[in-house]
Amino acid sequence: MSTTSPFTLDDLRRILLEAAGAEEGVDLSGDIIDTEFDALGYESLALLETGSRIEREYDISLDDSALTDAVTPRGLIDIVNKQLAAAPSA
């Protein structure tokens, strides 16, 4: 799915749950925008899977370093939105 809509926290929540599920006791529906992924129970492998799903769904390419540099949902959302803005429109 290629889109011109911005990537949102709700989009990320859905993809995180599809890619890696949720750690018991972690409420992804809460205010998690600036919570580090480690605290949410997502390690690097889960984030790589999440990145792969984002790439397929939004038809963009994300550097592995971008995924490891984004330590919070806000950071990852910013990276995805920059890639979406730079992607050629269909």
C-alpha atoms as a PDB file:
ATOM      1  CA  MET A   1       0.000   0.000   0.000  1.00  0.00           C
ATOM      2  CA  SER A   2       1.510   3.267  -1.063  1.00  0.00           C
ATOM      3  CA  THR A   3      -0.029   6.254   0.633  1.00  0.00           C
ATOM      4  CA  THR A   4       0.266   9.997   0.883  1.00  0.00           C
ATOM      5  CA  SER A   5      -1.224  10.012   4.387  1.00  0.00           C
ATOM      6  CA  PRO A   6       1.218  10.527   7.237  1.00  0.00           C
ATOM      7  CA  PHE A   7       2.295   7.491   9.229  1.00  0.00           C
ATOM      8  CA  THR A   8       0.735   7.766  12.677  1.00  0.00           C
ATOM      9  CA  LEU A   9       1.130   6.263  16.122  1.00  0.00           C
ATOM     10  CA  ASP A  10      -1.984   4.169  15.471  1.00  0.00           C
ATOM     11  CA  ASP A  11      -0.358   2.797  12.306  1.00  0.00           C
ATOM     12  CA  LEU A  12       2.764   1.921  14.287  1.00  0.00           C
ATOM     13  CA  ARG A  13       0.759   0.277  17.102  1.00  0.00           C
ATOM     14  CA  ARG A  14      -1.047  -1.938  14.595  1.00  0.00           C
ATOM     15  CA  ILE A  15       2.152  -2.974  12.837  1.00  0.00           C
ATOM     16  CA  LEU A  16       4.004  -3.603  16.126  1.00  0.00           C
ATOM     17  CA  LEU A  17       1.191  -5.894  17.278  1.00  0.00           C
ATOM     18  CA  GLU A  18       1.094  -7.717  13.936  1.00  0.00           C
ATOM     19  CA  ALA A  19       4.890  -8.082  13.789  1.00  0.00           C
ATOM     20  CA  ALA A  20       5.762  -8.947  17.359  1.00  0.00           C
ATOM     21  CA  GLY A  21       2.699  -8.922  19.574  1.00  0.00           C
ATOM     22  CA  ALA A  22       2.759  -7.097  22.897  1.00  0.00           C
ATOM     23  CA  GLU A  23       4.718  -7.704  26.058  1.00  0.00           C
ATOM     24  CA  GLU A  24       2.491  -8.780  28.921  1.00  0.00           C
ATOM     25  CA  GLY A  25       1.753  -5.805  31.140  1.00  0.00           C
ATOM     26  CA  VAL A  26       2.498  -3.230  28.426  1.00  0.00           C
ATOM     27  CA  ASP A  27      -0.425  -1.076  27.345  1.00  0.00           C
ATOM     28  CA  LEU A  28       0.260   0.045  23.789  1.00  0.00           C
ATOM     29  CA  SER A  29      -2.978   2.017  23.770  1.00  0.00           C
ATOM     30  CA  GLY A  30      -1.563   4.459  26.313  1.00  0.00           C
ATOM     31  CA  ASP A  31       0.734   7.444  25.829  1.00  0.00           C
ATOM     32  CA  ILE A  32       3.757   5.622  24.420  1.00  0.00           C
ATOM     33  CA  ILE A  33       4.998   8.156  21.869  1.00  0.00           C
ATOM     34  CA  ASP A  34       8.187   8.958  23.835  1.00  0.00           C
ATOM     35  CA  THR A  35       8.611   5.615  25.598  1.00  0.00           C
ATOM     36  CA  GLU A  36      11.713   3.732  24.533  1.00  0.00           C
ATOM     37  CA  PHE A  37      11.076   0.540  22.579  1.00  0.00           C
ATOM     38  CA  ASP A  38      13.101  -1.439  25.137  1.00  0.00           C
ATOM     39  CA  ALA A  39      10.679  -0.360  27.868  1.00  0.00           C
ATOM     40  CA  LEU A  40       7.785  -1.465  25.645  1.00  0.00           C
ATOM     41  CA  GLY A  41       9.352  -4.908  25.285  1.00  0.00           C
ATOM     42  CA  TYR A  42      10.539  -4.574  21.671  1.00  0.00           C
ATOM     43  CA  GLU A  43      14.136  -5.592  20.970  1.00  0.00           C
ATOM     44  CA  SER A  44      16.067  -5.055  17.745  1.00  0.00           C
ATOM     45  CA  LEU A  45      14.740  -8.174  16.002  1.00  0.00           C
ATOM     46  CA  ALA A  46      11.145  -7.100  16.617  1.00  0.00           C
ATOM     47  CA  LEU A  47      11.959  -3.630  15.285  1.00  0.00           C
ATOM     48  CA  LEU A  48      13.577  -5.074  12.160  1.00  0.00           C
ATOM     49  CA  GLU A  49      10.426  -7.117  11.512  1.00  0.00           C
ATOM     50  CA  THR A  50       8.337  -4.002  12.143  1.00  0.00           C
ATOM     51  CA  GLY A  51      10.507  -2.063   9.686  1.00  0.00           C
ATOM     52  CA  SER A  52      10.089  -4.770   7.052  1.00  0.00           C
ATOM     53  CA  ARG A  53       6.326  -4.633   7.415  1.00  0.00           C
ATOM     54  CA  ILE A  54       6.341  -0.836   7.161  1.00  0.00           C
ATOM     55  CA  GLU A  55       8.463  -1.051   4.002  1.00  0.00           C
ATOM     56  CA  ARG A  56       6.124  -3.550   2.357  1.00  0.00           C
ATOM     57  CA  GLU A  57       2.937  -1.783   3.381  1.00  0.00           C
ATOM     58  CA  TYR A  58       4.055   1.763   2.539  1.00  0.00           C
ATOM     59  CA  ASP A  59       6.366   0.933  -0.384  1.00  0.00           C
ATOM     60  CA  ILE A  60       9.383   2.722   1.083  1.00  0.00           C
ATOM     61  CA  SER A  61      12.900   1.694   2.048  1.00  0.00           C
ATOM     62  CA  LEU A  62      14.236   2.108   5.582  1.00  0.00           C
ATOM     63  CA  ASP A  63      17.914   1.791   6.493  1.00  0.00           C
ATOM     64  CA  ASP A  64      18.648  -0.708   9.250  1.00  0.00           C
ATOM     65  CA  SER A  65      20.562   2.049  11.032  1.00  0.00           C
ATOM     66  CA  ALA A  66      17.472   4.256  10.942  1.00  0.00           C
ATOM     67  CA  LEU A  67      15.552   1.527  12.737  1.00  0.00           C
ATOM     68  CA  THR A  68      18.196   1.117  15.414  1.00  0.00           C
ATOM     69  CA  ASP A  69      18.624   4.874  15.806  1.00  0.00           C
ATOM     70  CA  ALA A  70      14.904   5.335  16.484  1.00  0.00           C
ATOM     71  CA  VAL A  71      14.621   4.498  20.159  1.00  0.00           C
ATOM     72  CA  THR A  72      11.037   5.701  20.594  1.00  0.00           C
ATOM     73  CA  PRO A  73       7.841   5.493  18.540  1.00  0.00           C
ATOM     74  CA  ARG A  74       8.129   9.246  17.839  1.00  0.00           C
ATOM     75  CA  GLY A  75      11.580   8.716  16.335  1.00  0.00           C
ATOM     76  CA  LEU A  76      10.414   5.868  14.100  1.00  0.00           C
ATOM     77  CA  ILE A  77       7.282   7.741  13.013  1.00  0.00           C
ATOM     78  CA  ASP A  78       9.441  10.753  12.052  1.00  0.00           C
ATOM     79  CA  ILE A  79      11.756   8.542   9.976  1.00  0.00           C
ATOM     80  CA  VAL A  80       8.853   6.858   8.190  1.00  0.00           C
ATOM     81  CA  ASN A  81       7.155  10.180   7.444  1.00  0.00           C
ATOM     82  CA  LYS A  82      10.394  11.615   6.019  1.00  0.00           C
ATOM     83  CA  GLN A  83      10.665   8.596   3.713  1.00  0.00           C
ATOM     84  CA  LEU A  84       7.010   8.930   2.690  1.00  0.00           C
ATOM     85  CA  ALA A  85       7.509  12.620   1.901  1.00  0.00           C
ATOM     86  CA  ALA A  86      10.587  11.825  -0.198  1.00  0.00           C
ATOM     87  CA  ALA A  87       8.958   8.931  -2.069  1.00  0.00           C
ATOM     88  CA  PRO A  88       7.789   9.670  -5.605  1.00  0.00           C
ATOM     89  CA  SER A  89       4.017   9.907  -5.830  1.00  0.00           C
ATOM     90  CA  ALA A  90       2.181   7.322  -7.902  1.00  0.00           C
END
